[in-house]
Protein backbone atom coordinates (compact mmCIF):
# COMPACT_ATOMS: atom_id res chain seq x y z
CA MET A 1 -67.97 1.42 -41.74
CA ASN A 2 -66.31 -1.97 -42.78
CA LYS A 3 -69.58 -3.17 -43.83
CA LEU A 4 -70.24 -0.32 -45.74
CA THR A 5 -67.27 -0.37 -47.40
CA ASP A 6 -67.54 -4.28 -48.21
CA ALA A 7 -70.99 -3.53 -49.71
CA ILE A 8 -69.68 -0.92 -51.73
CA GLY A 9 -66.65 -3.04 -52.97
CA LYS A 10 -69.29 -5.93 -53.96
CA ILE A 11 -71.29 -3.27 -56.08
CA CYS A 12 -68.12 -2.21 -57.68
CA GLU A 13 -67.25 -5.64 -58.47
CA VAL A 14 -70.60 -6.27 -60.32
CA LEU A 15 -71.14 -3.02 -61.97
CA LEU A 16 -67.43 -2.20 -62.90
CA PRO A 17 -65.70 -5.69 -63.31
CA ILE A 18 -61.89 -5.19 -63.69
CA PRO A 19 -59.99 -8.35 -64.83
CA GLU A 20 -56.77 -9.24 -63.32
CA GLU A 21 -54.22 -8.47 -65.83
CA PHE A 22 -50.47 -9.00 -66.15
CA TYR A 23 -48.10 -9.74 -68.85
CA ILE A 24 -44.98 -12.27 -68.45
CA GLY A 25 -41.98 -10.93 -70.05
CA ASN A 26 -38.36 -12.19 -69.89
CA SER A 27 -37.98 -14.70 -67.08
CA ASN A 28 -34.19 -13.63 -66.66
CA SER A 29 -35.10 -9.99 -65.70
CA SER A 30 -34.92 -8.95 -62.28
CA ILE A 31 -37.39 -6.00 -63.11
CA CYS A 32 -41.03 -5.56 -62.65
CA ILE A 33 -43.31 -2.72 -63.59
CA CYS A 34 -46.44 -1.87 -61.76
CA THR A 35 -48.65 0.56 -63.77
CA LEU A 36 -51.18 1.10 -60.80
CA SER A 37 -54.54 2.31 -62.62
CA SER A 38 -53.03 3.00 -66.03
CA ILE A 39 -54.26 0.02 -68.07
CA LYS A 40 -53.51 1.76 -71.42
CA LEU A 41 -49.85 2.30 -70.29
CA LEU A 42 -50.12 -1.58 -69.24
CA LYS A 43 -50.93 -2.63 -72.66
CA GLU A 44 -48.53 -0.17 -74.34
CA ILE A 45 -45.81 -1.87 -72.39
CA LYS A 46 -47.04 -5.40 -73.29
CA ASN A 47 -46.76 -4.36 -76.98
CA SER A 48 -43.44 -2.41 -76.78
CA GLU A 49 -39.80 -3.63 -76.54
CA ILE A 50 -40.11 -2.95 -72.84
CA ILE A 51 -41.91 -6.43 -72.21
CA ASP A 52 -38.73 -8.18 -73.32
CA LYS A 53 -36.55 -6.33 -70.64
CA VAL A 54 -38.94 -7.03 -67.74
CA ALA A 55 -39.97 -10.19 -65.92
CA ILE A 56 -43.56 -9.17 -65.55
CA VAL A 57 -45.93 -5.85 -65.96
CA GLY A 58 -49.15 -5.72 -64.12
CA ARG A 59 -51.38 -3.13 -62.52
CA LEU A 60 -52.40 -2.35 -58.91
CA PHE A 61 -55.76 -1.15 -57.89
CA THR A 62 -56.14 -2.08 -54.40
CA GLU A 63 -54.26 -1.07 -51.14
CA ASN A 64 -55.01 -4.57 -49.73
CA LYS A 65 -55.41 -7.70 -51.88
CA GLY A 66 -53.52 -6.22 -54.74
CA ILE A 67 -50.54 -5.16 -52.42
CA ASP A 68 -50.63 -8.78 -50.73
CA SER A 69 -50.37 -10.10 -54.41
CA ILE A 70 -47.17 -8.09 -55.01
CA ILE A 71 -45.68 -9.34 -51.66
CA LYS A 72 -46.33 -12.88 -52.60
CA TYR A 73 -44.99 -12.58 -56.00
CA VAL A 74 -41.62 -11.52 -54.97
CA ASN A 75 -41.48 -13.70 -52.14
CA HIS A 76 -41.67 -16.63 -54.76
CA HIS A 77 -39.78 -15.16 -57.41
CA LYS A 78 -36.41 -14.31 -55.67
CA LYS A 79 -34.93 -13.21 -58.91
CA ILE A 80 -37.16 -9.93 -58.80
CA LYS A 81 -35.00 -7.07 -57.16
CA THR A 82 -36.46 -3.95 -58.97
CA ILE A 83 -40.37 -2.70 -58.96
CA ILE A 84 -41.06 0.26 -61.00
CA VAL A 85 -44.05 1.83 -59.88
CA CYS A 86 -45.46 3.92 -62.72
CA GLY A 87 -48.92 5.39 -63.94
CA LYS A 88 -51.85 6.89 -62.31
CA ASP A 89 -52.71 6.21 -58.71
CA VAL A 90 -55.94 4.82 -58.10
CA TRP A 91 -58.51 7.60 -56.87
CA GLY A 92 -59.63 6.73 -53.42
CA HIS A 93 -57.50 3.51 -52.98
CA LYS A 94 -54.22 5.16 -53.38
CA SER A 95 -52.64 1.91 -53.77
CA GLY A 96 -49.36 3.18 -54.83
CA HIS A 97 -49.00 5.39 -51.97
CA SER A 98 -49.72 2.57 -49.72
CA LEU A 99 -46.96 0.25 -51.39
CA PHE A 100 -44.39 2.87 -50.56
CA GLN A 101 -45.53 3.50 -47.09
CA LEU A 102 -45.40 -0.32 -46.61
CA TYR A 103 -41.92 -0.58 -47.82
CA LYS A 104 -40.90 2.43 -45.66
CA ASN A 105 -42.80 1.84 -42.52
CA GLY A 106 -44.26 -1.92 -42.42
CA VAL A 107 -47.52 -2.78 -40.67
CA ASP A 108 -48.64 -2.29 -37.07
CA ASN A 109 -50.00 -5.09 -34.77
CA ASP A 110 -53.30 -5.35 -36.94
CA ASN A 111 -51.61 -5.68 -40.04
CA ARG A 112 -52.43 -2.06 -41.22
CA ILE A 113 -49.86 -0.27 -43.42
CA ILE A 114 -48.50 2.20 -41.16
CA ASN A 115 -49.10 5.88 -42.46
CA SER A 116 -51.32 4.66 -45.12
CA THR A 117 -54.00 6.94 -46.04
CA SER A 118 -56.02 4.50 -48.02
CA PRO A 119 -59.51 3.29 -46.78
CA GLU A 120 -58.43 -0.37 -46.16
CA PRO A 121 -54.75 -0.86 -45.99
CA PHE A 122 -54.97 -4.29 -44.06
CA LEU A 123 -52.56 -6.83 -45.38
CA THR A 124 -52.68 -10.74 -44.93
CA VAL A 125 -49.30 -11.74 -45.74
CA LEU A 126 -46.78 -12.84 -43.15
CA GLU A 127 -44.49 -10.46 -41.50
CA SER A 128 -41.35 -12.22 -42.62
CA GLU A 129 -42.75 -11.85 -46.59
CA ILE A 130 -43.07 -8.03 -45.78
CA LYS A 131 -39.66 -7.92 -44.24
CA TYR A 132 -38.16 -9.73 -47.35
CA PHE A 133 -39.93 -7.32 -49.55
CA GLN A 134 -38.50 -4.23 -47.52
CA LYS A 135 -34.86 -5.51 -47.62
CA GLU A 136 -34.54 -7.17 -50.88
CA ILE A 137 -36.50 -5.17 -53.28
CA THR A 138 -35.93 -1.67 -54.69
CA LEU A 139 -38.99 0.29 -55.45
CA VAL A 140 -38.66 3.12 -58.14
CA ASN A 141 -41.07 5.87 -57.77
CA LEU A 142 -42.48 6.87 -61.07
CA ILE A 143 -46.25 7.51 -59.76
CA ASP A 144 -47.88 9.69 -62.33
CA GLU A 145 -45.24 8.83 -65.08
CA THR A 146 -47.10 7.51 -68.40
CA ASN A 147 -44.41 8.37 -70.73
CA ILE A 148 -43.22 4.86 -72.04
CA LYS A 149 -40.03 6.63 -73.14
CA LEU A 150 -38.99 7.87 -69.69
CA ILE A 151 -40.29 4.50 -68.34
CA LEU A 152 -37.73 2.55 -70.59
CA ASN A 153 -35.10 5.14 -69.90
CA LYS A 154 -35.27 4.14 -66.15
CA ILE A 155 -35.39 0.28 -66.87
CA GLN A 156 -32.03 0.82 -68.96
CA LYS A 157 -30.39 2.54 -65.95
CA ASN A 158 -31.01 -0.30 -63.75
């Protein structure tokens, strides 16, 4: 199954290339936004007043490399304390679901996110990095929310 999944992943990279996209905002902010698969929302936030209120806004497509990147980012940017997870979750990958399962349950001995229903929820980050994420970061669950005004409202409450 793993070889099949890898092959499908390689085909998708060639046929449906998705550039890594994130936008830097206010370096003094402790808030990040993750728009999951909602690229339109990502661009709306980049072009709105919200970008001045957050440190970074980006997307999350995968339940493994993408989550690894988030964990590494917050471990290297200790000012970050809140991640607002919004937008549409990635069909099939369920990366938002896996991020919340990691936050709640951590990983098992094989570095698999406990209780994740994603196909490949295996991480490469260190256990100490995961523990920091669980202890020091607050995740705000706005999965499926794409209304920019409601997201701004949530930021202003944090």
